[in-house]
């Protein structure tokens, strides 16, 4: 228990220290990634979301390394007795450490709970849609009443297309819309979006929202590209998106067009993706410097972190 609680507090400390760095750099980084192809841009954004978690994990490894590694070789470790973070230290963890670990757990647990609720809602929605609809051989999914076009369900995801879209879209446009949704299915985007929302819990609210919005746009544009490759005409995909939004608004006046729609249409009409080698080189250099610094200053980081844990353990 002491090892788990102490490690979690260490990881949270690292994440809290890294979150402001992402907040300060996110606008510049997102500006660079906007010119990237959607697939690469999505990877960069996921990396930004995961950065505080990676820093926290690195802090745990650096701190525990001085306790665990010497034990493998029979050497005497340099851990402070009674801290309750070393693998061979049987000291009980302090109440302050437990309280801090519990408080730091609230935000990630809340994000995980919301993701779980989203999974349950998707499963319920799939059951209801199956009860209302009928199997469609045309698009290997379900035809349901209304204007829905989405992949729903968990863990098995199924395609549902509203009957109103069948009459409003041409056969080519409907094929493009189905190809877009199939791309979501093949890339497991529901899993990706749920995981991204859990990762965002380590960031400030504004930072997390902006990164999630950018990730949603990248995912949608990547699926638009897949649909374009399928129908071989980006303008058909653009018309399908606009027509689907129009039909949805006609059936429900309260329905708003997706906020990503203008950017997606613009990208389909005039794609302007360019490589960003400088960003990749900068990232590799930063990782190399961080790794070298972790090795050179591992003992000092270990001492500082363990001193903080010692104060908490004795509180």
Protein backbone atom coordinates (compact mmCIF):
# COMPACT_ATOMS: atom_id res chain seq x y z
CA UNK A 1 0.00 0.00 0.00
CA UNK A 2 2.82 2.39 0.87
CA UNK A 3 4.56 1.75 -2.45
CA UNK A 4 1.37 2.28 -4.45
CA UNK A 5 0.31 5.46 -2.59
CA UNK A 6 3.80 6.95 -2.67
CA UNK A 7 4.24 6.15 -6.36
CA UNK A 8 0.87 7.67 -7.21
CA UNK A 9 1.69 10.89 -5.33
CA UNK A 10 5.01 11.07 -7.16
CA UNK A 11 3.34 10.56 -10.53
CA UNK A 12 0.73 13.21 -9.74
CA UNK A 13 3.47 15.66 -8.71
CA UNK A 14 5.19 15.14 -12.05
CA UNK A 15 1.93 15.55 -13.96
CA UNK A 16 1.04 18.73 -12.07
CA UNK A 17 4.46 20.16 -12.87
CA UNK A 18 4.13 19.29 -16.58
CA UNK A 19 0.57 20.58 -17.09
CA UNK A 20 1.57 24.30 -17.06
CA UNK A 21 4.28 23.57 -19.64
CA UNK A 22 1.68 22.15 -22.04
CA UNK A 23 -0.67 25.06 -21.29
CA UNK A 24 2.01 27.59 -22.24
CA UNK A 25 3.15 25.75 -25.36
CA UNK A 26 -0.14 24.39 -26.69
CA UNK A 27 -1.14 27.33 -28.90
CA UNK A 28 2.24 27.40 -30.65
CA UNK A 29 2.28 23.62 -31.06
CA UNK A 30 -1.30 23.46 -32.33
CA UNK A 31 -0.53 26.25 -34.81
CA UNK A 32 2.32 24.13 -36.20
CA UNK A 33 0.22 20.97 -36.35
CA UNK A 34 -2.71 22.59 -38.21
CA UNK A 35 -0.81 22.27 -41.47
CA UNK A 36 -0.14 18.57 -40.87
CA UNK A 37 -2.13 15.78 -42.44
CA UNK A 38 -4.91 14.71 -40.04
CA UNK A 39 -3.38 11.32 -39.19
CA UNK A 40 -0.05 12.81 -38.08
CA UNK A 41 -1.78 15.72 -36.35
CA UNK A 42 -3.90 13.32 -34.28
CA UNK A 43 -0.74 11.53 -33.11
CA UNK A 44 0.87 14.81 -32.03
CA UNK A 45 -2.21 15.90 -30.11
CA UNK A 46 -2.43 12.55 -28.32
CA UNK A 47 1.23 13.01 -27.41
CA UNK A 48 0.47 16.42 -25.93
CA UNK A 49 -2.42 14.94 -23.94
CA UNK A 50 -0.20 12.13 -22.64
CA UNK A 51 2.81 14.35 -21.81
CA UNK A 52 1.96 15.04 -18.12
CA UNK A 53 1.31 11.34 -17.57
CA UNK A 54 4.66 10.47 -19.15
CA UNK A 55 6.46 12.99 -16.93
CA UNK A 56 4.75 11.54 -13.85
CA UNK A 57 5.73 8.01 -14.83
CA UNK A 58 9.30 9.17 -15.46
CA UNK A 59 9.50 10.76 -12.01
CA UNK A 60 8.36 7.51 -10.42
CA UNK A 61 10.97 5.52 -12.35
CA UNK A 62 13.77 7.93 -11.46
CA UNK A 63 12.82 8.00 -7.78
CA UNK A 64 12.22 4.29 -7.32
CA UNK A 65 15.20 3.33 -9.44
CA UNK A 66 17.60 4.13 -6.59
CA UNK A 67 15.60 1.83 -4.33
CA UNK A 68 14.83 -1.10 -6.61
CA UNK A 69 17.90 -1.40 -8.84
CA UNK A 70 20.45 -1.71 -5.97
CA UNK A 71 18.32 -4.51 -4.53
CA UNK A 72 18.69 -6.51 -7.73
CA UNK A 73 22.48 -6.49 -7.38
CA UNK A 74 22.60 -6.96 -3.60
CA UNK A 75 23.87 -3.43 -3.00
CA UNK A 76 22.79 -1.13 -0.18
CA UNK A 77 20.12 1.29 -1.33
CA UNK A 78 20.14 4.96 -0.36
CA UNK A 79 16.47 5.31 0.48
CA UNK A 80 15.44 7.30 3.51
CA UNK A 81 14.04 4.90 6.15
CA UNK A 82 10.39 5.32 6.98
CA UNK A 83 9.39 7.09 3.78
CA UNK A 84 7.25 4.18 2.65
CA UNK A 85 8.03 4.39 -1.05
CA UNK A 86 10.81 1.83 -1.47
CA UNK A 87 9.98 -1.71 -2.50
CA UNK A 88 11.84 -3.18 0.50
CA UNK A 89 10.72 -0.55 2.99
CA UNK A 90 8.01 -1.87 5.25
CA UNK A 91 7.25 1.47 6.87
CA UNK A 92 3.56 2.46 6.90
CA UNK A 93 2.57 5.32 4.68
CA UNK A 94 1.59 8.53 6.42
CA UNK A 95 -2.05 9.62 6.55
CA UNK A 96 -1.19 12.83 4.72
CA UNK A 97 0.16 10.78 1.80
CA UNK A 98 -3.04 8.74 1.66
CA UNK A 99 -5.22 11.86 1.79
CA UNK A 100 -3.16 13.56 -0.93
CA UNK A 101 -3.27 10.43 -3.10
CA UNK A 102 -7.06 10.27 -2.68
CA UNK A 103 -7.50 13.94 -3.59
CA UNK A 104 -5.25 13.65 -6.62
CA UNK A 105 -7.26 10.62 -7.75
CA UNK A 106 -10.57 12.48 -7.89
CA UNK A 107 -10.11 14.16 -11.25
CA UNK A 108 -8.84 11.10 -13.22
CA UNK A 109 -11.47 8.90 -11.57
CA UNK A 110 -14.19 11.39 -12.49
CA UNK A 111 -12.98 11.38 -16.11
CA UNK A 112 -12.90 7.57 -16.09
CA UNK A 113 -16.41 7.47 -14.64
CA UNK A 114 -17.70 9.81 -17.35
CA UNK A 115 -16.03 7.64 -19.99
CA UNK A 116 -17.71 4.59 -18.49
CA UNK A 117 -21.08 6.35 -18.60
CA UNK A 118 -20.42 7.17 -22.26
CA UNK A 119 -19.75 3.49 -22.99
CA UNK A 120 -22.95 2.45 -21.23
CA UNK A 121 -24.96 5.10 -23.10
CA UNK A 122 -23.52 3.90 -26.42
CA UNK A 123 -24.53 0.31 -25.62
CA UNK A 124 -28.07 1.38 -24.68
CA UNK A 125 -28.40 3.51 -27.81
CA UNK A 126 -27.28 0.60 -30.01
CA UNK A 127 -29.93 -1.68 -28.47
CA UNK A 128 -32.68 0.89 -29.01
CA UNK A 129 -31.63 1.58 -32.59
CA UNK A 130 -31.55 -2.11 -33.42
CA UNK A 131 -35.09 -2.43 -32.05
CA UNK A 132 -36.29 0.50 -34.21
CA UNK A 133 -34.39 -0.28 -37.40
CA UNK A 134 -33.88 -3.00 -39.94
CA UNK A 135 -30.78 -4.66 -41.33
CA UNK A 136 -29.50 -3.08 -44.52
CA UNK A 137 -27.47 -5.07 -47.03
CA UNK A 138 -26.66 -1.91 -48.98
CA UNK A 139 -24.26 -0.56 -46.37
CA UNK A 140 -23.88 -3.64 -44.13
CA UNK A 141 -25.46 -1.88 -41.19
CA UNK A 142 -28.87 -0.78 -39.96
CA UNK A 143 -31.44 1.58 -41.45
CA UNK A 144 -33.22 3.52 -38.71
CA UNK A 145 -35.79 6.34 -38.62
CA UNK A 146 -34.45 9.88 -38.74
CA UNK A 147 -31.25 11.49 -39.92
CA UNK A 148 -28.65 9.65 -37.88
CA UNK A 149 -25.39 8.55 -39.49
CA UNK A 150 -23.08 7.11 -36.87
CA UNK A 151 -21.23 4.10 -35.57
CA UNK A 152 -22.72 3.15 -32.20
CA UNK A 153 -22.10 0.35 -29.70
CA UNK A 154 -19.42 -1.00 -27.44
CA UNK A 155 -17.27 -3.07 -27.71
CA UNK A 156 -18.82 -4.15 -31.02
CA UNK A 157 -19.63 -1.06 -33.08
CA UNK A 158 -22.41 -1.08 -35.68
CA UNK A 159 -23.32 1.38 -38.40
CA UNK A 160 -26.73 3.11 -38.29
CA UNK A 161 -27.99 5.31 -41.14
CA UNK A 162 -31.26 7.25 -41.01
CA UNK A 163 -33.89 6.59 -43.67
CA UNK A 164 -34.24 10.34 -44.28
CA UNK A 165 -30.68 10.40 -45.62
CA UNK A 166 -31.44 7.67 -48.13
CA UNK A 167 -33.94 9.92 -49.87
CA UNK A 168 -32.03 13.19 -49.54
CA UNK A 169 -28.55 12.08 -50.63
CA UNK A 170 -27.51 10.68 -53.98
CA UNK A 171 -26.16 7.14 -54.09
CA UNK A 172 -22.61 8.50 -54.44
CA UNK A 173 -23.03 10.90 -51.51
CA UNK A 174 -24.54 8.18 -49.32
CA UNK A 175 -21.60 5.94 -50.19
CA UNK A 176 -19.21 8.69 -49.08
CA UNK A 177 -21.10 9.16 -45.79
CA UNK A 178 -21.02 5.43 -45.09
CA UNK A 179 -17.29 5.28 -45.93
CA UNK A 180 -16.66 8.09 -43.43
CA UNK A 181 -18.45 6.20 -40.66
CA UNK A 182 -16.72 2.95 -41.59
CA UNK A 183 -13.40 4.75 -41.15
CA UNK A 184 -14.41 5.62 -37.58
CA UNK A 185 -15.18 1.95 -37.04
CA UNK A 186 -11.94 0.63 -38.51
CA UNK A 187 -9.80 3.09 -36.51
CA UNK A 188 -11.62 2.38 -33.21
CA UNK A 189 -12.21 6.10 -32.77
CA UNK A 190 -14.65 5.59 -29.90
CA UNK A 191 -11.86 4.00 -27.87
CA UNK A 192 -9.48 6.80 -28.85
CA UNK A 193 -11.88 9.56 -27.86
CA UNK A 194 -12.68 7.96 -24.50
CA UNK A 195 -8.98 7.46 -23.73
CA UNK A 196 -8.24 11.06 -24.77
CA UNK A 197 -10.82 12.38 -22.33
CA UNK A 198 -9.19 10.45 -19.50
CA UNK A 199 -5.75 11.76 -20.51
CA UNK A 200 -7.15 15.32 -20.56
CA UNK A 201 -7.89 15.07 -16.82
CA UNK A 202 -4.19 15.82 -16.15
CA UNK A 203 -4.50 19.23 -17.85
CA UNK A 204 -6.13 22.52 -16.97
CA UNK A 205 -9.75 22.65 -18.11
CA UNK A 206 -9.17 25.17 -20.91
CA UNK A 207 -6.09 23.32 -22.16
CA UNK A 208 -7.84 19.98 -22.11
CA UNK A 209 -10.88 21.31 -23.98
CA UNK A 210 -8.77 22.91 -26.69
CA UNK A 211 -6.69 19.76 -27.18
CA UNK A 212 -9.79 17.56 -27.31
CA UNK A 213 -11.44 19.87 -29.85
CA UNK A 214 -8.31 19.77 -32.00
CA UNK A 215 -8.19 15.99 -31.72
CA UNK A 216 -11.86 15.64 -32.70
CA UNK A 217 -11.24 17.78 -35.80
CA UNK A 218 -8.18 15.72 -36.76
CA UNK A 219 -10.12 12.47 -36.37
CA UNK A 220 -13.04 13.74 -38.47
CA UNK A 221 -10.73 15.03 -41.20
CA UNK A 222 -8.86 11.73 -41.26
CA UNK A 223 -12.16 9.91 -41.82
CA UNK A 224 -13.06 12.44 -44.53
CA UNK A 225 -9.79 11.52 -46.25
CA UNK A 226 -10.68 7.83 -46.03
CA UNK A 227 -14.07 8.58 -47.59
CA UNK A 228 -12.36 10.57 -50.34
CA UNK A 229 -10.06 7.65 -51.11
CA UNK A 230 -13.13 5.41 -51.33
CA UNK A 231 -15.27 7.56 -53.66
CA UNK A 232 -12.25 9.24 -55.36
CA UNK A 233 -13.81 12.70 -55.22
CA UNK A 234 -13.41 15.09 -52.25
CA UNK A 235 -16.25 17.31 -53.50
CA UNK A 236 -18.68 14.39 -53.24
CA UNK A 237 -17.66 13.97 -49.60
CA UNK A 238 -18.10 17.70 -48.99
CA UNK A 239 -21.57 17.67 -50.57
CA UNK A 240 -22.54 14.64 -48.49
CA UNK A 241 -21.52 16.38 -45.26
CA UNK A 242 -23.40 19.58 -46.11
CA UNK A 243 -26.48 17.71 -47.29
CA UNK A 244 -26.55 15.52 -44.18
CA UNK A 245 -26.33 18.61 -41.94
CA UNK A 246 -29.09 20.31 -43.96
CA UNK A 247 -31.43 17.32 -43.71
CA UNK A 248 -30.79 17.05 -39.99
CA UNK A 249 -31.65 20.75 -39.50
CA UNK A 250 -34.84 20.37 -41.54
CA UNK A 251 -36.03 17.47 -39.41
CA UNK A 252 -35.06 19.10 -36.12
CA UNK A 253 -34.82 22.89 -35.91
CA UNK A 254 -32.83 22.57 -32.71
CA UNK A 255 -30.16 20.45 -34.37
CA UNK A 256 -26.98 22.41 -34.98
CA UNK A 257 -24.40 21.57 -37.61
CA UNK A 258 -21.18 20.06 -36.23
CA UNK A 259 -18.82 22.85 -35.23
CA UNK A 260 -16.02 21.12 -37.14
CA UNK A 261 -18.00 21.22 -40.41
CA UNK A 262 -16.58 24.51 -41.88
CA UNK A 263 -12.99 23.43 -41.30
CA UNK A 264 -13.70 19.99 -42.76
CA UNK A 265 -15.33 21.42 -45.88
CA UNK A 266 -12.46 23.87 -46.38
CA UNK A 267 -9.92 21.03 -46.06
CA UNK A 268 -11.78 18.90 -48.58
CA UNK A 269 -12.02 21.74 -51.12
CA UNK A 270 -8.47 23.05 -50.73
CA UNK A 271 -6.27 20.60 -48.79
CA UNK A 272 -2.99 22.22 -47.78
CA UNK A 273 -1.20 19.60 -45.71
CA UNK A 274 2.56 20.00 -45.49
CA UNK A 275 5.24 18.10 -43.59
CA UNK A 276 6.64 19.63 -40.41
CA UNK A 277 10.12 18.09 -40.07
CA UNK A 278 11.32 20.86 -37.75
CA UNK A 279 8.62 19.96 -35.22
CA UNK A 280 9.62 16.30 -35.32
CA UNK A 281 13.31 17.16 -34.92
CA UNK A 282 12.48 19.46 -31.99
CA UNK A 283 10.47 16.72 -30.30
CA UNK A 284 13.25 14.16 -30.72
CA UNK A 285 15.79 16.65 -29.36
CA UNK A 286 13.58 17.45 -26.37
CA UNK A 287 13.13 13.74 -25.57
CA UNK A 288 16.88 13.16 -25.88
CA UNK A 289 17.69 16.09 -23.57
CA UNK A 290 15.07 15.00 -21.06
CA UNK A 291 16.42 11.45 -21.03
CA UNK A 292 20.01 12.63 -20.59
CA UNK A 293 18.97 15.00 -17.80
CA UNK A 294 17.08 12.18 -16.06
CA UNK A 295 20.21 10.04 -16.10
CA UNK A 296 22.58 12.81 -15.00
CA UNK A 297 20.38 14.26 -12.27
CA UNK A 298 18.58 11.07 -11.22
CA UNK A 299 20.11 11.06 -7.75
CA UNK A 300 19.16 14.69 -7.06
CA UNK A 301 15.62 14.18 -8.32
CA UNK A 302 15.40 11.06 -6.19
CA UNK A 303 16.58 12.94 -3.10
CA UNK A 304 14.19 15.87 -3.55
CA UNK A 305 11.17 13.65 -4.26
CA UNK A 306 11.96 11.35 -1.37
CA UNK A 307 12.39 14.29 0.99
CA UNK A 308 8.92 15.52 0.07
CA UNK A 309 7.47 12.05 0.60
CA UNK A 310 9.29 11.78 3.94
CA UNK A 311 7.63 15.01 5.10
CA UNK A 312 4.23 13.67 4.05
CA UNK A 313 4.86 10.27 5.66
CA UNK A 314 5.60 11.87 9.00
CA UNK A 315 2.67 14.30 8.81
